[in-house]
Every structure is written in C-alpha cells, then in structure tokens.
Amino acid sequence: MSYDRQSLPEFSPAEVYSLALPAAPRPIVTLGAGGIVKDAHLPAYRKAGYPVVGIYNRTVSRAQALADEYGIPGVYGTVEEAVAGSPSDAVYDIALMPPQYADALEALPDGAAVLIQKPLGNHLSDGRALLEICRRKGLVAAVNTQLRFAPYVAAARALIAAGEIGELYDLEIRVSVDTPWHLFPHVLTMDRLEITMHSVHYIDLVRSFLGNPDSVSAVSVVHPDKDLASTRSLILFRYAGRPIRVTISTNHDHDFGPEHEESFIKWEGTKGAIRAQMGLLLDYPTGGPDALQIIRSAEKSLGWRDAPFEGSWFPDAFIGSMGALQRYLDGSVPTLPTSVDDVYDTMAVVEAAYDSAENEGVRPAYLTDEPQGART
C-alpha cells in the first residue's frame, strides 16, 4: 500500500484550530433564545468577551429574559427588526430550528457574516438550498459545528499534529448513554433523529481530522418500545488506499445506570494513543467529568497519563466556533474550515449514512439459498 504519510491531513490542521481569540471581536446579534443559546452561546460569549448587542425571538419575553441576564441592549420580535437595529459589521448568530434557517438567511443583508447552528438542514436537499442562499447573497457563512473546537479535541489535535502518536490508524467514537430526548420536544416527531441531530457532530469531527471519506456504511435503528426515529447507529468510514479504521458507535438507549456508560473519542497511532472522555453526555445535561489521556508506545510502562486542557464542550467550544468566523473576517487566519461549503460535505456524509442504513447490505451466500437440485 503506497501513500504519502507526510501529507496526511491530521499533521497539518487549519490555523484556526489554535483557539486564539479574535483581536477585536465584532458585535453579535443572536437570532433565537432557546436552550442552546441560554446554556452555551451566551455563556461562551460572555466568557470570551464577545459583545452581544441584540437578540431576537418570536416570543419576545424569552429574548427579554436573556437580554436582562446578559445585558443585551437590543431585543427584537422579528428578524427584520433585528437587522434594522444592528450595526453594519454585526455577525448574525442563527440558533433557530433548521426549517427556519432559510427565511432568516433571506432576511439578512447581502454580504453579512453569519454563524448557523448545526445541522445544516435535516436532509441534504435542505443543505443545498441553504448553501445556494448563502452564495446568492454573498454571505460569509459558517456552521456552528462546535465539537471541532472542544478544548480536549483542540489539545488532541495539537498533539497529533506534532507527531506525538505517529500516523493514525484507528479513530473510534463511542457513545452509550441514556439520552433524555424529552428535553428537546422538537425532535420527537422528526423523521430523522440520531445521525442528523447527534452523530453529525462526530461525522464532522472525523472530516476535520481526516478529510472526506471515500465511502460510508451505516446501520441506524429505532427502539422497539419508543415512538421515535432511530436512536442507535453504527457508521463506518472508508479511506481508499489508507490503512485506517474509523467507527462511530452510538446508543442513546442505554437505560441501565451509569456503571457501563461510555462517551469517548479515541485516536490510535503508530507511536501511541489519545483518549478524550466527553463528560457532557454522561448524565446530560448535568454532565460528568471530562478527561484527556495519552499513552506513548516508547513509554508504555508509564501507562496512560493526563494531557492538559482547560474548559469543556459547553460552553467553551462555542467560543472557538464563533472565534473561527471572526478571525477569518478580520484576516488573521487564511481559511474558514467550518464554512457552509465545507459543512455541506458533512451533510453529504449524513445523507450517505442514511442511504446506507436503508438500502445497503451484502447478503451472504447461504447454502439454503441454492436451488434444491444444486445441493449434494
């Protein structure tokens, strides 16, 4: 097997993944005042010192409550009012439901900067429509695929880029937890659930390390006693010509107590391995402990050792995703790896996974399938 090991993408991550803050952050106008804004967006922006100057919600009282808590001067009942009351250099932070994205994007000024909450629609056709709106209006648009910027991911990315564990040959993401879907009423009637609303994070994360896979296989299934779309998935990535195994395994129905719950990302390489525990998903939304550990092949006797990082997925990763867009806007980084053009490819992988789950599978050549006369 021949391939250029020195040019593998995990050894040269985009500059924006350094998590540096923008030197002069632009004012932010938040479109939406739901739980994710309250629990992640606004706490992250306050922690980073990003100025939030406006907030919109159809239920104005919800926007007003957050404005009072976070000292946001502008409160609006329509997107059009928010645009009219915003400075020309505002960054619009869309945190609505995916069916509302298109109308919100259409209401923004041409050429505006916007950060769109994931996923980029519920189906690939939705993502295509949103991409075309952004292109037609000349929007500088990114998607809030914030797991790329979680502190333990950022630390692992830097270690891998520095060659600390050598060439990656295995990337495994495993989640086995009891997810309280009832906290998100809007998902209860969706025709697609697990991959679109959750594993999209991991699909996007894999792409941020390894690039686009050449093919995808998946199984995604419902729980027999729950009236929900699929809640458990297994997704396999194939990278042609490269000896790497990539798996995403999720089980949101592990309702048997915390003893055997799992929530981790593990990178294995030719010189060692790194494991990140995503504590947020353990007893969500309270969460359990985060952890990042590394073991080096040359120092196996020392065992797994803690690797330093600060912060957690919520809210710190949201600092990074907004910061990436703002640093691209101010010219301090040359690329925007979370652009709508890039994340459209994440949605293409999501769509391929659903197609695989519905249609793919190679039936073994069972003896019982042979014609009766052919059996001896």
Foldseek 3Di string as FASTA:
>chain_A
DDDDQVVFQLLPFFPLLLLDFDPDAAEEAEEDQDDCCVFAVLVQCVVRVHHHAYYEDLPQVSRVVVCVVRVHNYTDNDLLVSQVPDDPQYEYEYDDDLVCLVVNLVSHAQQHHYEAEDDCHPALVSLVSNVVSCVVSVYQYFYPLLVCRWFLNSLVSVCVNVCVQHGWAEKEWEFAEADPCVVPVVQAPDQDPACRPPVLSVLVNVCSNGNFAPAKAKAFQPDPPGSHHTQWMKMWGHHPPGNHTYIYTYHNHNPDDQPPTAGWIKTHHPFWIKIWGQQCRHPPNVGDDIFIWIDTPVPCVVPIDGDDTDDHSGHNSSSSLSRLSRCCVVPVGVDRCRTSVNSSSSSVNSNSHVCNNVDDDDDDPDPVPDPPVVDD
